[in-house]
């Protein structure tokens, strides 16, 4: 058997850094790929994944407050009184 190149494993931080660079749109995917040592198609995949997953950062931050939060003062006064 021949010993080929071993598959590279990139950290999520590295992927995010490359994807954000691609989102900026200042450089082409080829330039970014050369700069970070990653294939341009991989850069495109990471960019697309970042765009699709970005909305999850803001989900659940706002919305109606839980019902239990409104009931706490009632419990407090019932215990005191």
Protein backbone atom coordinates (compact mmCIF):
# COMPACT_ATOMS: atom_id res chain seq x y z
CA UNK A 1 0.00 0.00 0.00
CA UNK A 2 1.14 3.49 -0.71
CA UNK A 3 1.18 6.13 1.94
CA UNK A 4 -0.88 9.06 0.70
CA UNK A 5 -1.65 12.33 2.30
CA UNK A 6 -3.42 12.11 5.60
CA UNK A 7 -6.75 13.82 5.85
CA UNK A 8 -6.63 17.21 7.56
CA UNK A 9 -8.95 17.94 10.46
CA UNK A 10 -9.75 21.60 10.97
CA UNK A 11 -11.05 23.10 14.18
CA UNK A 12 -14.42 24.85 14.21
CA UNK A 13 -12.61 28.11 14.99
CA UNK A 14 -10.48 27.74 11.86
CA UNK A 15 -13.53 26.95 9.73
CA UNK A 16 -15.35 29.99 11.08
CA UNK A 17 -12.36 32.22 10.40
CA UNK A 18 -12.12 31.03 6.79
CA UNK A 19 -15.90 31.26 6.26
CA UNK A 20 -16.05 34.80 7.64
CA UNK A 21 -13.24 35.82 5.34
CA UNK A 22 -15.23 34.41 2.42
CA UNK A 23 -18.37 36.25 3.54
CA UNK A 24 -16.54 39.56 3.51
CA UNK A 25 -16.22 39.21 -0.25
CA UNK A 26 -12.96 41.12 -0.49
CA UNK A 27 -10.99 38.14 -1.80
CA UNK A 28 -11.99 35.34 -4.13
CA UNK A 29 -12.48 31.81 -2.85
CA UNK A 30 -9.28 30.82 -4.66
CA UNK A 31 -7.28 33.52 -2.88
CA UNK A 32 -8.72 32.53 0.49
CA UNK A 33 -8.01 28.88 -0.20
CA UNK A 34 -4.39 29.62 -1.03
CA UNK A 35 -3.97 31.85 2.00
CA UNK A 36 -5.30 29.26 4.46
CA UNK A 37 -4.16 26.10 2.65
CA UNK A 38 -7.69 24.85 1.98
CA UNK A 39 -9.32 23.86 -1.31
CA UNK A 40 -11.56 26.63 -2.71
CA UNK A 41 -14.54 24.26 -2.89
CA UNK A 42 -14.14 23.59 0.83
CA UNK A 43 -14.10 27.34 1.46
CA UNK A 44 -17.37 27.61 -0.46
CA UNK A 45 -18.93 24.80 1.57
CA UNK A 46 -17.94 26.43 4.86
CA UNK A 47 -19.25 29.80 3.67
CA UNK A 48 -22.59 28.26 2.72
CA UNK A 49 -22.82 26.40 6.04
CA UNK A 50 -22.10 29.59 7.96
CA UNK A 51 -24.83 31.46 6.08
CA UNK A 52 -27.35 28.70 6.75
CA UNK A 53 -26.48 28.34 10.44
CA UNK A 54 -26.15 32.06 11.24
CA UNK A 55 -29.86 32.44 11.97
CA UNK A 56 -29.62 29.97 14.85
CA UNK A 57 -27.44 32.45 16.75
CA UNK A 58 -30.42 34.73 17.22
CA UNK A 59 -33.19 32.21 17.80
CA UNK A 60 -34.73 32.20 21.25
CA UNK A 61 -33.12 35.43 22.39
CA UNK A 62 -36.44 37.25 22.50
CA UNK A 63 -39.97 36.20 22.89
CA UNK A 64 -42.58 35.81 25.57
CA UNK A 65 -41.28 35.36 29.07
CA UNK A 66 -42.00 32.02 30.70
CA UNK A 67 -45.16 31.77 32.75
CA UNK A 68 -43.16 30.72 35.81
CA UNK A 69 -41.43 34.11 35.85
CA UNK A 70 -44.77 35.87 36.30
CA UNK A 71 -45.82 33.61 39.17
CA UNK A 72 -42.76 34.10 41.38
CA UNK A 73 -44.05 37.28 43.13
CA UNK A 74 -47.33 35.54 43.95
CA UNK A 75 -45.45 32.65 45.57
CA UNK A 76 -43.29 35.08 47.52
CA UNK A 77 -46.28 37.00 48.92
CA UNK A 78 -48.16 33.83 49.77
CA UNK A 79 -45.22 32.57 51.80
CA UNK A 80 -44.80 35.88 53.64
CA UNK A 81 -48.48 36.57 54.26
